Amino acid sequence: MLEMTGGTEGPKEAFGRLYKAGVRTLVSMHLSEEHLKKAKEANLNVVIAGHISSDTLGLNLLLDNIEKSAREEFGVVACSGFTRVRRG
């Protein structure tokens, strides 16, 4: 299982709980050295994806779901580093 994080890092105590819940990989915009150490101690894999790539992934997943349930067609204007990638 994968968890995508953004914004603040959250509590360091969460890493052990995430592992117990089945999460094995975190994709994050950033982690402090202290948070990274705690994630490693909890046997979690960590991918630091950076801000724009994380935003792009999250927005594309959100837009995929919106398009599936939309009653009418709508347009998306990709700008400011965002690239729209449609999947199945």
C-alpha atoms as a PDB file:
ATOM      1  CA  MET A   1       0.000   0.000   0.000  1.00  0.00           C
ATOM      2  CA  LEU A   2       1.141   3.513  -0.800  1.00  0.00           C
ATOM      3  CA  GLU A   3       0.445   6.724   1.055  1.00  0.00           C
ATOM      4  CA  MET A   4       0.766  10.147  -0.528  1.00  0.00           C
ATOM      5  CA  THR A   5       1.568  12.980   1.859  1.00  0.00           C
ATOM      6  CA  GLY A   6       1.693  16.701   1.393  1.00  0.00           C
ATOM      7  CA  GLY A   7       1.642  19.867   3.406  1.00  0.00           C
ATOM      8  CA  THR A   8       2.975  19.273   6.900  1.00  0.00           C
ATOM      9  CA  GLU A   9       4.830  16.129   7.880  1.00  0.00           C
ATOM     10  CA  GLY A  10       2.425  15.072  10.591  1.00  0.00           C
ATOM     11  CA  PRO A  11       3.344  13.220  13.785  1.00  0.00           C
ATOM     12  CA  LYS A  12       6.415  10.986  13.750  1.00  0.00           C
ATOM     13  CA  GLU A  13       4.443   8.421  15.766  1.00  0.00           C
ATOM     14  CA  ALA A  14       2.237   7.791  12.737  1.00  0.00           C
ATOM     15  CA  PHE A  15       4.911   5.872  10.811  1.00  0.00           C
ATOM     16  CA  GLY A  16       4.684   2.712  12.921  1.00  0.00           C
ATOM     17  CA  ARG A  17       0.895   2.806  12.698  1.00  0.00           C
ATOM     18  CA  LEU A  18       1.021   3.253   8.935  1.00  0.00           C
ATOM     19  CA  TYR A  19       3.260   0.179   8.654  1.00  0.00           C
ATOM     20  CA  LYS A  20       0.872  -1.861  10.812  1.00  0.00           C
ATOM     21  CA  ALA A  21      -1.998  -0.733   8.557  1.00  0.00           C
ATOM     22  CA  GLY A  22      -0.217  -2.127   5.494  1.00  0.00           C
ATOM     23  CA  VAL A  23       1.491   0.982   4.116  1.00  0.00           C
ATOM     24  CA  ARG A  24       4.978   0.190   2.803  1.00  0.00           C
ATOM     25  CA  THR A  25       5.850   3.282   0.759  1.00  0.00           C
ATOM     26  CA  LEU A  26       5.390   6.999   1.409  1.00  0.00           C
ATOM     27  CA  VAL A  27       5.465   9.483  -1.462  1.00  0.00           C
ATOM     28  CA  SER A  28       6.120  12.856   0.083  1.00  0.00           C
ATOM     29  CA  MET A  29       6.960  16.395  -0.962  1.00  0.00           C
ATOM     30  CA  HIS A  30       9.467  16.707   1.860  1.00  0.00           C
ATOM     31  CA  LEU A  31      10.552  15.101   5.125  1.00  0.00           C
ATOM     32  CA  SER A  32      12.838  16.456   7.814  1.00  0.00           C
ATOM     33  CA  GLU A  33      15.853  14.341   8.753  1.00  0.00           C
ATOM     34  CA  GLU A  34      14.108  13.423  12.011  1.00  0.00           C
ATOM     35  CA  HIS A  35      10.930  12.272  10.220  1.00  0.00           C
ATOM     36  CA  LEU A  36      12.984  10.348   7.639  1.00  0.00           C
ATOM     37  CA  LYS A  37      14.840   8.546  10.447  1.00  0.00           C
ATOM     38  CA  LYS A  38      11.538   7.552  12.103  1.00  0.00           C
ATOM     39  CA  ALA A  39      10.106   6.356   8.769  1.00  0.00           C
ATOM     40  CA  LYS A  40      13.177   4.158   8.208  1.00  0.00           C
ATOM     41  CA  GLU A  41      12.883   2.776  11.754  1.00  0.00           C
ATOM     42  CA  ALA A  42       9.289   1.791  10.903  1.00  0.00           C
ATOM     43  CA  ASN A  43      10.576  -0.075   7.788  1.00  0.00           C
ATOM     44  CA  LEU A  44       8.842   2.309   5.373  1.00  0.00           C
ATOM     45  CA  ASN A  45      10.182   3.126   1.917  1.00  0.00           C
ATOM     46  CA  VAL A  46      10.235   6.865   1.241  1.00  0.00           C
ATOM     47  CA  VAL A  47      10.115   8.647  -2.113  1.00  0.00           C
ATOM     48  CA  ILE A  48      10.662  12.394  -2.034  1.00  0.00           C
ATOM     49  CA  ALA A  49       8.787  13.490  -5.144  1.00  0.00           C
ATOM     50  CA  GLY A  50       9.115  17.251  -4.863  1.00  0.00           C
ATOM     51  CA  HIS A  51       6.387  19.860  -4.898  1.00  0.00           C
ATOM     52  CA  ILE A  52       5.324  20.166  -8.543  1.00  0.00           C
ATOM     53  CA  SER A  53       5.412  16.432  -9.276  1.00  0.00           C
ATOM     54  CA  SER A  54       3.423  15.727  -6.099  1.00  0.00           C
ATOM     55  CA  ASP A  55       0.848  18.376  -6.958  1.00  0.00           C
ATOM     56  CA  THR A  56       0.606  17.068 -10.521  1.00  0.00           C
ATOM     57  CA  LEU A  57       0.030  13.483  -9.362  1.00  0.00           C
ATOM     58  CA  GLY A  58      -2.576  14.511  -6.813  1.00  0.00           C
ATOM     59  CA  LEU A  59      -4.424  16.848  -9.161  1.00  0.00           C
ATOM     60  CA  ASN A  60      -4.477  14.264 -11.957  1.00  0.00           C
ATOM     61  CA  LEU A  61      -5.945  11.628  -9.639  1.00  0.00           C
ATOM     62  CA  LEU A  62      -8.548  14.113  -8.425  1.00  0.00           C
ATOM     63  CA  LEU A  63      -9.444  15.235 -11.956  1.00  0.00           C
ATOM     64  CA  ASP A  64      -9.700  11.601 -13.157  1.00  0.00           C
ATOM     65  CA  ASN A  65     -12.356  10.975 -10.506  1.00  0.00           C
ATOM     66  CA  ILE A  66     -14.188  14.222 -11.201  1.00  0.00           C
ATOM     67  CA  GLU A  67     -14.324  13.442 -14.925  1.00  0.00           C
ATOM     68  CA  LYS A  68     -15.711   9.944 -14.253  1.00  0.00           C
ATOM     69  CA  SER A  69     -18.608  11.313 -12.241  1.00  0.00           C
ATOM     70  CA  ALA A  70     -19.220  14.581 -14.119  1.00  0.00           C
ATOM     71  CA  ARG A  71     -22.611  14.999 -15.755  1.00  0.00           C
ATOM     72  CA  GLU A  72     -21.219  17.428 -18.290  1.00  0.00           C
ATOM     73  CA  GLU A  73     -17.893  17.694 -20.064  1.00  0.00           C
ATOM     74  CA  PHE A  74     -15.567  20.349 -18.715  1.00  0.00           C
ATOM     75  CA  GLY A  75     -12.156  21.681 -19.637  1.00  0.00           C
ATOM     76  CA  VAL A  76      -8.945  21.803 -17.646  1.00  0.00           C
ATOM     77  CA  VAL A  77      -6.345  24.486 -18.269  1.00  0.00           C
ATOM     78  CA  ALA A  78      -2.884  23.168 -17.412  1.00  0.00           C
ATOM     79  CA  CYS A  79      -0.636  25.942 -16.120  1.00  0.00           C
ATOM     80  CA  SER A  80       2.062  26.855 -13.628  1.00  0.00           C
ATOM     81  CA  GLY A  81       3.975  23.570 -13.978  1.00  0.00           C
ATOM     82  CA  PHE A  82       0.876  21.332 -13.976  1.00  0.00           C
ATOM     83  CA  THR A  83       0.492  18.808 -16.811  1.00  0.00           C
ATOM     84  CA  ARG A  84      -2.832  17.021 -17.304  1.00  0.00           C
ATOM     85  CA  VAL A  85      -2.417  13.296 -17.946  1.00  0.00           C
ATOM     86  CA  ARG A  86      -5.631  11.300 -18.416  1.00  0.00           C
ATOM     87  CA  ARG A  87      -5.662   7.629 -17.479  1.00  0.00           C
ATOM     88  CA  GLY A  88      -8.291   4.992 -18.326  1.00  0.00           C
END
